[in-house]
Protein backbone atom coordinates (compact mmCIF):
# COMPACT_ATOMS: atom_id res chain seq x y z
CA MET A 1 98.86 80.36 22.28
CA VAL A 2 99.85 76.91 23.76
CA ARG A 3 103.57 76.44 23.67
CA LEU A 4 104.81 73.06 22.01
CA MET A 5 107.03 71.84 24.04
CA ASN A 6 105.43 71.87 27.83
CA VAL A 7 105.48 69.53 30.98
CA TYR A 8 102.45 67.51 28.95
CA THR A 9 104.33 66.80 25.86
CA ILE A 10 108.21 66.55 27.33
CA SER A 11 106.32 63.75 29.43
CA ALA A 12 104.42 62.63 27.04
CA PHE A 13 107.21 62.28 24.62
CA ALA A 14 109.74 60.82 27.52
CA ALA A 15 106.70 58.11 28.46
CA ILE A 16 107.91 56.18 24.98
CA GLY A 17 110.02 54.66 27.39
CA GLY A 18 106.65 52.84 28.87
CA THR A 19 106.03 51.70 25.14
CA LEU A 20 109.29 49.87 25.40
CA PHE A 21 107.73 48.27 28.60
CA GLY A 22 104.81 47.55 26.82
CA TYR A 23 106.22 45.79 23.52
CA ASP A 24 108.28 43.42 26.24
CA ILE A 25 104.80 42.44 27.74
CA SER A 26 103.15 41.28 24.17
CA SER A 27 106.75 40.68 22.86
CA MET A 28 105.77 36.76 23.13
CA SER A 29 101.87 36.31 23.61
CA GLY A 30 101.42 37.07 19.42
CA VAL A 31 103.52 34.55 18.56
CA LEU A 32 103.19 32.03 21.22
CA ASP A 33 100.50 30.36 18.90
CA THR A 34 101.66 30.20 15.65
CA ASP A 35 103.54 27.25 13.98
CA GLN A 36 106.34 29.28 12.48
CA TYR A 37 107.64 29.90 16.39
CA LYS A 38 106.72 26.28 17.50
CA GLU A 39 109.00 24.70 14.81
CA TYR A 40 111.89 27.10 14.92
CA TYR A 41 112.63 26.94 18.85
CA GLY A 42 111.50 22.80 19.27
CA ASN A 43 107.57 24.03 20.27
CA PRO A 44 108.61 25.03 23.99
CA LEU A 45 106.89 24.40 27.01
CA GLY A 46 106.18 24.80 30.57
CA THR A 47 109.62 25.78 31.86
CA ARG A 48 111.39 26.07 29.29
CA GLN A 49 108.71 28.80 27.77
CA GLY A 50 108.52 30.27 31.21
CA GLY A 51 112.55 30.49 31.02
CA ILE A 52 112.11 32.76 27.21
CA THR A 53 109.35 35.10 28.38
CA SER A 54 110.87 36.37 32.00
CA ALA A 55 114.52 36.20 30.41
CA MET A 56 113.51 40.42 29.67
CA ALA A 57 112.26 40.59 33.69
CA ALA A 58 115.96 38.97 34.78
CA GLY A 59 117.23 41.85 32.51
CA SER A 60 114.82 44.45 34.09
CA LEU A 61 116.20 43.35 37.45
CA VAL A 62 119.38 44.15 36.76
CA GLY A 63 118.37 47.76 35.30
CA ALA A 64 116.54 48.85 37.55
CA LEU A 65 119.33 48.24 40.46
CA SER A 66 121.66 50.08 38.53
CA SER A 67 119.16 52.92 37.12
CA SER A 68 119.88 54.64 40.64
CA PHE A 69 123.77 55.42 40.11
CA LEU A 70 122.81 56.11 36.76
CA GLY A 71 119.86 58.43 37.48
CA ASP A 72 122.02 60.17 40.14
CA GLN A 73 125.63 60.59 38.16
CA LEU A 74 124.46 60.66 34.68
CA SER A 75 121.34 62.84 35.17
CA ARG A 76 117.64 61.00 34.41
CA LYS A 77 117.74 62.49 31.07
CA ILE A 78 120.99 60.74 29.81
CA ALA A 79 121.12 57.65 31.83
CA ILE A 80 117.64 57.08 30.07
CA GLN A 81 119.25 57.76 26.56
CA VAL A 82 122.14 54.74 27.97
CA GLY A 83 119.10 52.11 28.45
CA LEU A 84 117.79 52.85 24.78
CA VAL A 85 121.29 52.07 23.44
CA LEU A 86 120.52 48.94 24.88
CA TRP A 87 117.46 48.17 23.76
CA CYS A 88 118.22 48.65 20.45
CA ILE A 89 121.14 46.43 20.64
CA GLY A 90 118.76 43.35 22.48
CA ALA A 91 116.01 43.97 20.05
CA SER A 92 118.88 43.10 16.78
CA VAL A 93 120.07 40.11 19.17
CA GLN A 94 116.31 38.82 19.34
CA ALA A 95 115.31 39.29 15.65
CA ALA A 96 118.89 37.76 14.73
CA SER A 97 118.47 34.84 16.92
CA ASN A 98 119.31 31.43 15.83
CA GLY A 99 118.29 29.64 19.01
CA VAL A 100 116.40 29.73 22.32
CA PRO A 101 120.15 30.65 24.00
CA MET A 102 120.36 33.75 21.76
CA LEU A 103 116.82 34.41 21.82
CA ILE A 104 117.20 34.94 25.51
CA ALA A 105 119.97 36.61 26.03
CA GLY A 106 118.61 39.16 23.29
CA ARG A 107 116.00 39.67 25.98
CA VAL A 108 118.26 39.97 28.44
CA ILE A 109 119.76 42.62 27.32
CA ALA A 110 116.33 43.93 26.19
CA GLY A 111 115.41 43.93 29.80
CA LEU A 112 118.30 45.94 30.96
CA CYS A 113 116.50 49.09 28.74
CA ILE A 114 113.56 48.49 30.38
CA GLY A 115 114.69 48.45 34.10
CA VAL A 116 116.67 51.91 33.84
CA THR A 117 113.72 53.78 31.89
CA SER A 118 110.79 52.04 34.27
CA SER A 119 112.88 53.20 37.03
CA LEU A 120 114.01 57.13 35.66
CA VAL A 121 110.98 57.84 33.35
CA PRO A 122 108.51 58.06 36.06
CA ILE A 123 110.98 60.16 38.57
CA TYR A 124 111.31 62.76 35.40
CA GLN A 125 108.22 63.09 34.84
CA SER A 126 107.43 63.59 38.99
CA GLU A 127 110.25 65.73 38.98
CA ILE A 128 109.61 68.34 36.45
CA ALA A 129 104.97 68.26 37.16
CA PRO A 130 103.43 70.39 39.01
CA ARG A 131 101.85 69.13 42.29
CA LYS A 132 97.88 69.74 40.92
CA ILE A 133 98.51 67.54 37.83
CA ARG A 134 101.54 64.89 38.94
CA GLY A 135 99.16 61.96 38.89
CA ARG A 136 98.12 62.28 35.95
CA VAL A 137 101.17 63.23 33.94
CA VAL A 138 103.00 60.26 35.47
CA SER A 139 100.14 58.11 34.31
CA LEU A 140 101.05 59.25 30.72
CA GLN A 141 103.76 56.03 31.82
CA GLN A 142 101.23 53.45 32.05
CA PHE A 143 99.25 55.01 29.20
CA ALA A 144 102.53 54.50 26.95
CA VAL A 145 102.99 51.04 28.42
CA THR A 146 99.14 50.01 26.96
CA TRP A 147 99.96 51.08 23.30
CA GLY A 148 103.02 49.44 23.46
CA ILE A 149 101.20 46.61 24.39
CA MET A 150 98.75 46.71 21.65
CA ILE A 151 101.04 47.85 18.76
CA GLN A 152 103.20 45.21 18.99
CA TYR A 153 100.16 42.60 19.64
CA PHE A 154 98.91 44.21 16.16
CA VAL A 155 101.77 43.80 14.73
CA GLN A 156 102.71 40.32 15.93
CA TYR A 157 99.10 39.27 14.70
CA GLY A 158 99.20 40.81 11.34
CA CYS A 159 103.01 39.21 10.89
CA SER A 160 100.95 36.04 11.80
CA PHE A 161 99.46 35.63 8.25
CA LEU A 162 102.61 35.47 6.90
CA ASN A 163 104.28 32.09 6.13
CA SER A 164 107.98 32.34 7.22
CA GLN A 165 110.17 33.36 9.94
CA ALA A 166 109.33 36.73 9.47
CA VAL A 167 106.25 35.95 11.63
CA PHE A 168 108.55 35.87 15.09
CA ARG A 169 111.83 38.03 13.71
CA LEU A 170 109.75 41.45 12.18
CA PRO A 171 108.20 42.44 15.00
CA TRP A 172 110.65 41.67 17.36
CA ALA A 173 113.30 43.95 14.90
CA LEU A 174 110.57 46.66 14.71
CA GLN A 175 110.79 47.47 18.66
CA VAL A 176 114.23 49.49 17.90
CA VAL A 177 112.42 51.86 16.14
CA PRO A 178 111.12 53.93 19.40
CA ALA A 179 113.44 53.48 21.09
CA ILE A 180 115.69 55.61 18.02
CA ILE A 181 112.85 58.08 17.83
CA LEU A 182 113.37 58.54 22.12
CA PHE A 183 117.11 59.03 22.22
CA VAL A 184 117.14 61.53 19.34
CA GLY A 185 114.40 63.40 21.02
CA LEU A 186 115.78 63.36 24.06
CA PHE A 187 118.18 65.85 23.06
CA TRP A 188 116.07 68.75 23.38
CA PHE A 189 114.67 68.26 26.45
CA PRO A 190 115.56 69.94 29.47
CA LYS A 191 117.19 68.17 32.63
CA SER A 192 114.84 66.88 35.89
CA PRO A 193 115.13 70.57 37.88
CA ARG A 194 115.64 68.57 41.00
CA TRP A 195 118.64 67.08 39.98
CA LEU A 196 120.40 69.90 38.81
CA ALA A 197 119.74 71.39 42.20
CA SER A 198 121.08 68.59 43.98
CA LYS A 199 124.16 69.17 42.04
CA ASP A 200 124.48 72.84 42.98
CA ARG A 201 123.58 73.98 39.55
CA TRP A 202 120.82 76.43 40.89
CA ASP A 203 120.87 79.10 37.72
CA GLU A 204 119.74 76.48 35.57
CA ALA A 205 117.22 74.80 37.70
CA LEU A 206 115.63 78.36 38.08
CA ARG A 207 115.53 78.57 34.43
CA VAL A 208 114.06 74.80 33.78
CA LEU A 209 111.23 75.58 36.13
CA ALA A 210 110.37 79.04 34.70
CA PHE A 211 110.35 77.03 31.09
CA LEU A 212 108.17 74.54 32.75
CA ARG A 213 106.01 76.50 34.96
CA THR A 214 105.57 79.83 32.84
CA PRO A 215 104.47 80.23 29.37
CA ASP A 216 107.27 83.11 28.67
CA SER A 217 110.03 81.50 30.94
CA ASN A 218 109.66 84.11 33.65
CA ILE A 219 112.25 83.92 36.76
CA ASN A 220 110.57 86.32 38.37
CA ASP A 221 107.21 84.27 38.59
CA PRO A 222 106.18 84.26 42.61
CA LEU A 223 105.34 80.22 42.25
CA VAL A 224 108.27 79.57 40.57
CA LEU A 225 110.14 80.94 42.97
CA ALA A 226 108.44 79.39 45.79
CA GLU A 227 108.90 76.28 44.11
CA TYR A 228 112.65 77.49 43.84
CA LYS A 229 112.72 77.98 47.27
CA GLU A 230 111.07 74.56 48.56
CA ILE A 231 113.28 72.98 46.42
CA GLU A 232 115.99 74.77 48.25
CA ASP A 233 115.08 74.79 51.70
CA GLN A 234 115.00 70.33 50.90
CA ILE A 235 118.27 70.11 50.04
CA ARG A 236 119.29 71.92 52.66
CA PHE A 237 117.60 70.23 55.66
CA GLU A 238 119.05 67.01 53.59
CA ARG A 239 122.81 68.27 53.56
CA GLY A 240 122.23 68.92 56.90
CA GLU A 241 121.51 65.69 58.22
CA GLU A 242 124.45 63.43 58.40
CA SER A 243 123.65 59.99 56.81
CA ASN A 244 124.57 57.52 54.67
CA SER A 245 122.11 57.10 51.57
CA LEU A 246 122.44 53.41 51.52
CA ARG A 247 122.26 53.17 55.50
CA GLU A 248 119.39 55.47 55.18
CA LEU A 249 116.89 53.48 52.99
CA PHE A 250 116.51 50.99 55.40
CA GLY A 251 116.82 53.10 58.81
CA GLU A 252 113.90 54.01 61.05
CA LYS A 253 112.55 56.97 59.54
CA MET A 254 112.75 55.97 55.91
CA ARG A 255 112.23 52.00 56.29
CA LYS A 256 108.01 51.90 55.94
CA ARG A 257 108.35 54.23 52.67
CA VAL A 258 110.82 51.80 51.53
CA LEU A 259 109.33 48.79 51.81
CA LEU A 260 105.74 50.35 50.62
CA GLY A 261 107.01 51.30 47.41
CA MET A 262 107.99 47.70 47.13
CA ALA A 263 104.92 46.56 48.01
CA ILE A 264 103.15 48.46 45.88
CA GLN A 265 105.36 47.75 42.60
CA GLY A 266 105.00 44.07 44.03
CA TRP A 267 101.37 44.15 44.33
CA SER A 268 100.88 45.55 40.44
CA GLN A 269 102.07 42.67 39.59
CA LEU A 270 101.12 39.66 41.72
CA VAL A 271 97.47 41.12 41.56
CA GLY A 272 97.43 38.64 38.17
CA ILE A 273 97.27 41.21 35.29
CA ASN A 274 100.30 39.17 33.88
CA VAL A 275 98.82 35.91 33.60
CA LEU A 276 96.34 37.69 31.10
CA LEU A 277 98.84 39.66 29.52
CA TYR A 278 101.55 37.30 28.70
CA TYR A 279 99.70 34.26 28.47
CA VAL A 280 96.31 35.30 27.65
CA VAL A 281 96.58 32.62 24.67
CA TYR A 282 96.74 29.56 26.67
CA ILE A 283 94.05 30.74 28.82
CA LEU A 284 91.09 31.40 26.09
CA ASP A 285 92.42 28.51 24.34
CA SER A 286 91.87 26.35 27.43
CA ALA A 287 88.43 28.09 28.02
CA GLY A 288 87.06 27.00 24.40
CA LEU A 289 87.48 30.24 22.66
CA THR A 290 88.25 29.71 18.58
CA ASN A 291 90.54 32.52 17.24
CA THR A 292 92.29 33.53 20.56
CA LEU A 293 94.54 35.84 18.56
CA LEU A 294 91.35 38.47 17.72
CA ALA A 295 89.50 37.64 20.59
CA SER A 296 93.14 38.74 22.67
CA SER A 297 93.38 41.88 20.46
CA ILE A 298 89.92 43.01 22.24
CA GLN A 299 91.79 42.86 25.71
CA TYR A 300 94.85 44.86 24.46
CA VAL A 301 92.94 47.64 22.93
CA ILE A 302 90.60 47.75 26.32
CA ASN A 303 93.77 47.94 28.36
CA MET A 304 94.86 51.06 26.57
CA VAL A 305 91.17 52.87 26.37
CA MET A 306 90.70 52.11 30.13
CA THR A 307 93.62 53.97 31.28
CA ILE A 308 92.45 56.98 30.37
CA PRO A 309 90.13 57.83 32.95
CA SER A 310 92.79 57.39 35.16
CA ILE A 311 94.79 60.36 33.65
CA LEU A 312 92.07 62.57 33.82
CA TRP A 313 90.90 61.93 37.64
CA THR A 314 93.99 60.09 39.60
CA ASP A 315 94.61 63.55 41.12
CA LYS A 316 90.96 63.92 42.21
CA TRP A 317 90.06 60.11 43.28
CA GLY A 318 93.26 60.29 44.41
CA ARG A 319 95.90 57.28 44.75
CA ARG A 320 94.59 55.47 48.04
CA PRO A 321 91.22 55.14 46.79
CA THR A 322 91.64 54.12 43.48
CA LEU A 323 94.60 51.15 44.66
CA LEU A 324 91.56 49.95 47.14
CA LEU A 325 88.76 49.95 44.86
CA GLY A 326 91.26 48.59 42.13
CA ALA A 327 92.66 45.10 44.17
CA LEU A 328 88.30 43.97 45.17
CA THR A 329 87.36 44.45 41.36
CA ILE A 330 90.92 42.44 40.43
CA GLY A 331 90.11 39.56 42.97
CA LEU A 332 86.66 39.44 41.65
CA TRP A 333 86.96 38.63 38.36
CA LEU A 334 89.86 36.26 38.74
CA PHE A 335 87.92 34.31 41.34
CA LEU A 336 85.21 34.37 38.88
CA ILE A 337 87.33 32.93 35.86
CA GLY A 338 88.91 30.24 38.56
CA GLY A 339 85.17 29.11 39.57
CA LEU A 340 83.64 28.74 36.06
CA LEU A 341 86.83 26.90 34.58
CA ALA A 342 86.32 24.32 38.18
CA ARG A 343 82.95 24.46 37.65
CA PHE A 344 82.67 23.41 33.64
CA GLY A 345 86.44 22.12 32.92
CA GLU A 346 87.67 19.13 32.39
CA PRO A 347 91.26 17.42 32.34
CA ASN A 348 92.58 18.23 28.29
CA PRO A 349 93.00 14.56 26.64
CA VAL A 350 95.66 16.15 24.38
CA PRO A 351 99.05 15.36 25.04
CA ASN A 352 101.97 18.15 25.01
CA GLN A 353 99.78 21.22 25.28
CA SER A 354 100.17 23.94 27.28
CA TYR A 355 97.22 23.36 29.15
CA THR A 356 96.01 20.47 30.86
CA TRP A 357 93.04 21.87 31.54
CA VAL A 358 89.65 22.53 29.34
CA ILE A 359 85.86 23.47 28.87
CA ARG A 360 84.45 21.66 25.93
CA ASP A 361 80.63 22.40 25.37
CA HIS A 362 79.56 25.30 27.16
CA PRO A 363 79.60 28.05 25.16
CA THR A 364 78.32 30.20 28.04
CA ALA A 365 81.11 29.87 30.30
CA THR A 366 83.70 30.26 27.89
CA ARG A 367 81.83 34.08 26.84
CA CYS A 368 81.85 34.49 30.94
CA ILE A 369 85.40 33.98 31.03
CA GLN A 370 86.60 35.88 27.96
CA ALA A 371 84.31 38.46 29.60
CA PHE A 372 85.95 38.43 32.87
CA SER A 373 88.85 38.44 31.84
CA TYR A 374 88.15 41.79 29.81
CA LEU A 375 86.94 43.39 33.39
CA THR A 376 89.87 42.24 35.07
CA VAL A 377 92.53 44.29 32.53
CA ALA A 378 89.72 47.14 32.57
CA SER A 379 89.90 47.07 36.13
CA PHE A 380 93.85 46.65 36.28
CA ALA A 381 93.95 49.63 33.81
CA MET A 382 92.40 52.11 35.88
CA SER A 383 93.79 51.30 39.20
CA TRP A 384 96.91 49.56 39.93
CA GLY A 385 98.31 50.11 36.85
CA PRO A 386 99.35 54.42 36.45
CA VAL A 387 98.99 54.39 40.49
CA SER A 388 102.00 51.97 40.78
CA TRP A 389 104.02 54.10 38.58
CA ILE A 390 102.49 56.96 40.57
CA TYR A 391 103.33 56.43 43.62
CA PRO A 392 106.53 55.46 44.39
CA PRO A 393 108.61 58.10 42.94
CA GLU A 394 106.52 60.57 45.00
CA ILE A 395 106.93 59.13 48.56
CA PHE A 396 110.93 59.52 48.55
CA PRO A 397 113.01 62.50 49.48
CA LEU A 398 115.54 63.83 47.35
CA ARG A 399 118.36 62.24 48.26
CA ILE A 400 117.59 59.11 47.62
CA ARG A 401 114.70 59.04 45.06
CA ALA A 402 116.92 57.74 42.68
CA THR A 403 118.06 54.67 44.87
CA ALA A 404 114.86 53.77 46.54
CA VAL A 405 112.97 53.89 43.07
CA SER A 406 115.12 51.81 41.77
CA ILE A 407 114.26 49.03 44.32
CA SER A 408 110.71 49.74 44.05
CA THR A 409 111.13 48.67 40.61
CA ALA A 410 113.58 45.76 41.12
CA THR A 411 111.15 44.31 43.20
CA ASN A 412 108.58 44.86 40.34
CA TRP A 413 110.63 43.11 38.10
CA ALA A 414 111.78 40.30 40.39
CA CYS A 415 107.85 39.65 40.58
CA ASN A 416 107.89 39.54 36.98
CA PHE A 417 110.43 37.59 36.73
CA ALA A 418 109.33 35.00 39.40
CA LEU A 419 105.45 34.90 37.27
CA GLY A 420 106.85 34.84 33.61
CA LEU A 421 108.92 31.71 34.60
CA ALA A 422 106.32 29.85 36.97
CA VAL A 423 102.55 30.75 35.47
CA PRO A 424 103.61 28.34 32.63
CA PRO A 425 104.04 25.10 34.61
CA LEU A 426 101.47 26.23 37.27
CA LEU A 427 98.90 26.75 34.31
CA ARG A 428 99.78 22.68 33.64
CA ALA A 429 99.98 21.86 37.04
CA ILE A 430 97.11 22.96 39.34
CA GLN A 431 94.89 24.75 36.43
CA TRP A 432 92.45 26.74 37.51
CA ARG A 433 93.27 26.64 41.61
CA MET A 434 96.19 29.64 40.10
CA PHE A 435 93.56 32.26 39.63
CA PHE A 436 91.95 31.62 42.81
CA ILE A 437 95.92 32.38 44.39
CA PHE A 438 96.21 35.77 42.29
CA GLY A 439 92.69 36.33 43.92
CA ALA A 440 94.10 36.05 47.04
CA PHE A 441 97.11 37.80 46.54
CA ASN A 442 94.54 41.00 45.35
CA MET A 443 92.81 40.92 48.99
CA ALA A 444 96.03 40.93 50.75
CA ALA A 445 96.68 43.75 48.42
CA PHE A 446 93.48 45.58 49.97
CA ILE A 447 94.58 45.00 53.35
CA HIS A 448 98.23 46.49 53.15
CA VAL A 449 97.25 49.38 51.33
CA TRP A 450 94.52 50.10 53.42
CA LEU A 451 96.76 50.03 56.80
CA ALA A 452 99.70 51.43 55.22
CA ALA A 453 99.30 53.56 52.53
CA PRO A 454 98.67 57.40 52.86
CA GLU A 455 97.12 59.57 50.06
CA THR A 456 99.60 62.29 48.49
CA LYS A 457 97.35 63.94 45.57
CA GLN A 458 98.12 67.57 45.74
CA ARG A 459 101.30 67.69 47.92
CA THR A 460 104.44 68.86 46.68
CA LEU A 461 107.46 66.14 46.54
CA GLU A 462 109.20 68.28 49.35
CA GLU A 463 106.01 67.61 51.18
CA MET A 464 106.14 63.78 51.38
CA ASP A 465 108.01 64.46 55.13
CA GLU A 466 104.62 65.64 56.68
CA VAL A 467 102.55 63.04 54.93
CA PHE A 468 104.05 60.40 56.24
CA GLU A 469 105.81 61.67 59.78
CA HIS A 470 102.66 63.84 61.19
CA GLY A 471 102.01 60.86 63.65
CA GLU A 472 98.13 60.03 62.42
CA PRO A 473 97.56 56.53 61.37
CA LEU A 474 97.93 56.46 57.83
CA TRP A 475 94.76 54.53 57.09
CA ARG A 476 92.83 57.52 58.62
CA SER A 477 93.80 59.09 55.24
CA PHE A 478 90.86 57.16 53.45
CA THR A 479 88.95 60.37 52.11
CA GLY A 480 92.53 62.09 50.80
CA ALA A 481 95.15 64.26 51.99
CA ARG A 482 94.55 66.94 54.16
CA LYS A 483 94.55 70.49 51.46
CA THR A 484 97.50 72.83 52.09
CA ASP A 485 98.53 75.72 50.33
CA ARG A 486 101.80 75.89 51.55
CA LEU A 487 103.53 76.89 48.50
CA ASP A 488 100.61 79.31 47.10
CA ARG A 489 101.69 81.14 50.78
CA LEU A 490 105.38 81.35 49.88
CA ALA A 491 104.36 82.90 46.72
CA LYS A 492 101.96 85.40 48.26
CA ASP A 493 104.68 86.58 50.09
CA ILE A 494 107.34 86.40 47.54
CA GLU A 495 104.92 88.68 45.75
CA MET A 496 104.27 91.08 48.51
CA GLY A 497 108.36 91.41 49.30
CA THR A 498 108.02 89.93 52.70
CA LEU A 499 109.99 86.85 51.60
CA LYS A 500 113.35 87.35 49.86
CA ILE A 501 114.84 84.58 47.17
CA HIS A 502 118.75 85.03 47.17
CA ARG A 503 120.02 83.88 43.32
CA SER A 504 122.40 84.97 41.09
CA ILE A 505 121.10 84.41 38.05
CA GLN A 506 120.67 87.18 35.38
CA VAL A 507 116.82 88.30 33.98
CA GLU A 508 116.57 87.13 30.71
CA ILE A 509 114.82 84.48 28.21
CA TYR A 510 116.25 81.48 27.13
CA ASP A 511 115.43 79.45 24.29
CA ASP A 512 114.37 75.73 24.48
CA PHE A 513 118.03 74.48 23.63
CA THR A 514 119.77 76.58 26.25
CA LEU A 515 117.92 73.33 28.60
CA ARG A 516 120.15 70.87 27.22
């Protein structure tokens, strides 16, 4: 019988933090084109609307930078709960806002939560997952993001038929529901075994590992003891190296990894997906499509459905080929959208609209732009969407993992903030040329991944030093990481009695509640 609380269910539940990220992404797209929103907030256009949209990313940037301290001091789990309290406050302020300043303040406060959870949920998932399914487990974060985007958008779409301020206030208020569910549920979940070990709580770390890896919480299982041994050896090695964690981040040994983690998160925004997720209504309007709210909803369903293949097969495909193929296909679709807008578009004769370039009386071009928008989202959902969350928590050693991932995630939010602020005025100023800019970003991302990103699938977190320091050019790992059985060999040695694990823990079975 499968136990109800296991790695999959714990990771899936923790991924509700990703749902909040999804709510953020679509929290504006469904209300931007409603008369009630425009009337109440003074029809914000250009930089004004960009400031409202990007306010949450600004808060997320601060939250991501603070997540390393919170995650190391309080534990990954409790730090996430702190962020959830901030989310509830921010959502309440947004729903009660009496103008643009209060709306921006609420979005900044909610953004603090997104910064914390978007950094720490993937770390937590990575640290509890077995190496062979780590990519699948962390992909649940992106899957939850897509669910959040879709749910929030459909709530907004349903509310758009109301004839009151509930059009925008109700969707923003309902955002507190998943945060409350996650906050309460986390009390029953274990802390990260690697965080426990880093605090010298070795008995608890072994219990949690046994609980996560075996159906009967058997602390004498050879694979459990082998993983425990790897964690112990890695922590002792790290402590033997005299280093300052902040100075080490950009030292000679870790600099490449930190810059790579920052780049992966940065490219995930610069490939152009948020242009479509935040401002798809503007783009489809300018392409000449009617009923853009309904057409946009299809995009969010595609985003959710096409994340599933990555969840199922990312540990087989590998991180590196997935990113390379994603950059090529996303870039292709964006170039095609820009080309169609350039060929069939014309200046918008209607003043005071969010776009200054339109397609009129070219239904084939309109439908092609709609189709290419959907293909862009599908390509992202299968590649950069999940892998950008999987990769950074994998590549850093435990002693600097929370700090390095917080910097990587902060890069994501810095780019997110810049794009949220810049896209509305860019759409008005350079029209179709904007899509060529993002297409070029995809080509740059392809080149960077090809030259700098090694394959990490099937490796334990404690093996990443070997992955990055084996001396071969990183681009040679195109076909995947070298097959390793070190953990299996350790387990066999323990089972045969040739390797002893020294521990003081008593041999007994613990129920779920002692893992808190």
